[in-house]
Amino acid sequence: MKNVQISEELFVAIMRYFMLEQEEMLPQIKQGLEKKLDAMVMRELYTKYKTAPTEEEKKRARKEYLDRRGVPESFRW
């Protein structure tokens, strides 16, 4: 299983939520975790694009990566 690093700010928010039972931290925690998940997905797509064994898989992974990144079709080469 891989390790995942989070920011100190997110870690402190999680600690305050669970240890001090500060319910108001929940929206900040959700936002931080969603941001981290998006970054992980983007990294996985980029890695898949760079290490794909076939040209077809490479194209598909590149397209998905650029779509998620929000790069318009007219801006791609």
Protein backbone atom coordinates (compact mmCIF):
# COMPACT_ATOMS: atom_id res chain seq x y z
CA MET A 1 0.00 0.00 0.00
CA LYS A 2 1.27 3.48 -0.89
CA ASN A 3 1.64 6.37 1.51
CA VAL A 4 -0.11 9.66 0.88
CA GLN A 5 1.16 13.00 2.10
CA ILE A 6 -1.21 15.78 3.12
CA SER A 7 -0.51 19.36 4.05
CA GLU A 8 0.11 20.29 7.66
CA GLU A 9 -2.96 22.54 7.50
CA LEU A 10 -5.20 19.63 6.51
CA PHE A 11 -3.65 17.39 9.16
CA VAL A 12 -4.29 19.99 11.86
CA ALA A 13 -7.89 20.40 10.67
CA ILE A 14 -8.43 16.63 10.88
CA MET A 15 -6.88 16.54 14.33
CA ARG A 16 -9.09 19.40 15.54
CA TYR A 17 -12.15 17.65 14.14
CA PHE A 18 -11.46 14.28 15.76
CA MET A 19 -9.53 15.17 18.90
CA LEU A 20 -11.25 18.40 19.88
CA GLU A 21 -14.60 17.56 18.25
CA GLN A 22 -14.73 20.85 16.37
CA GLU A 23 -17.52 20.17 13.87
CA GLU A 24 -16.88 23.43 12.00
CA MET A 25 -13.70 21.92 10.56
CA LEU A 26 -15.64 19.43 8.41
CA PRO A 27 -16.08 21.64 5.29
CA GLN A 28 -12.36 22.52 5.31
CA ILE A 29 -11.45 18.83 5.68
CA LYS A 30 -13.76 17.79 2.84
CA GLN A 31 -12.33 20.48 0.57
CA GLY A 32 -8.75 19.50 1.40
CA LEU A 33 -9.40 15.80 0.83
CA GLU A 34 -11.16 16.46 -2.49
CA LYS A 35 -8.22 18.59 -3.62
CA LYS A 36 -5.79 15.83 -2.64
CA LEU A 37 -7.86 13.17 -4.42
CA ASP A 38 -7.95 15.29 -7.59
CA ALA A 39 -4.17 15.68 -7.44
CA MET A 40 -3.74 11.93 -7.01
CA VAL A 41 -6.01 11.17 -9.98
CA MET A 42 -4.18 13.70 -12.16
CA ARG A 43 -0.82 12.21 -11.20
CA GLU A 44 -2.07 8.70 -11.97
CA LEU A 45 -3.35 9.78 -15.41
CA TYR A 46 -0.09 11.56 -16.19
CA THR A 47 1.92 8.50 -15.15
CA LYS A 48 -0.32 6.26 -17.24
CA TYR A 49 0.20 8.59 -20.22
CA LYS A 50 3.98 8.56 -19.82
CA THR A 51 4.34 4.80 -19.23
CA ALA A 52 1.64 3.34 -21.50
CA PRO A 53 2.93 0.29 -23.38
CA THR A 54 1.09 1.02 -26.64
CA GLU A 55 0.61 4.19 -28.62
CA GLU A 56 -3.19 3.81 -28.46
CA GLU A 57 -3.20 3.60 -24.65
CA LYS A 58 -0.85 6.56 -24.50
CA LYS A 59 -3.20 8.64 -26.66
CA ARG A 60 -6.22 7.68 -24.56
CA ALA A 61 -4.47 8.50 -21.27
CA ARG A 62 -3.17 11.80 -22.67
CA LYS A 63 -6.65 12.78 -23.85
CA GLU A 64 -8.21 11.95 -20.47
CA TYR A 65 -5.46 13.86 -18.67
CA LEU A 66 -5.90 16.96 -20.84
CA ASP A 67 -9.72 16.75 -20.60
CA ARG A 68 -9.55 16.68 -16.80
CA ARG A 69 -6.98 19.48 -16.83
CA GLY A 70 -9.42 21.56 -18.90
CA VAL A 71 -7.21 22.11 -21.93
CA PRO A 72 -9.41 22.92 -24.96
CA GLU A 73 -9.13 20.67 -28.04
CA SER A 74 -8.02 23.64 -30.17
CA PHE A 75 -5.07 24.26 -27.85
CA ARG A 76 -3.63 20.75 -28.07
CA TRP A 77 -0.97 19.57 -30.49
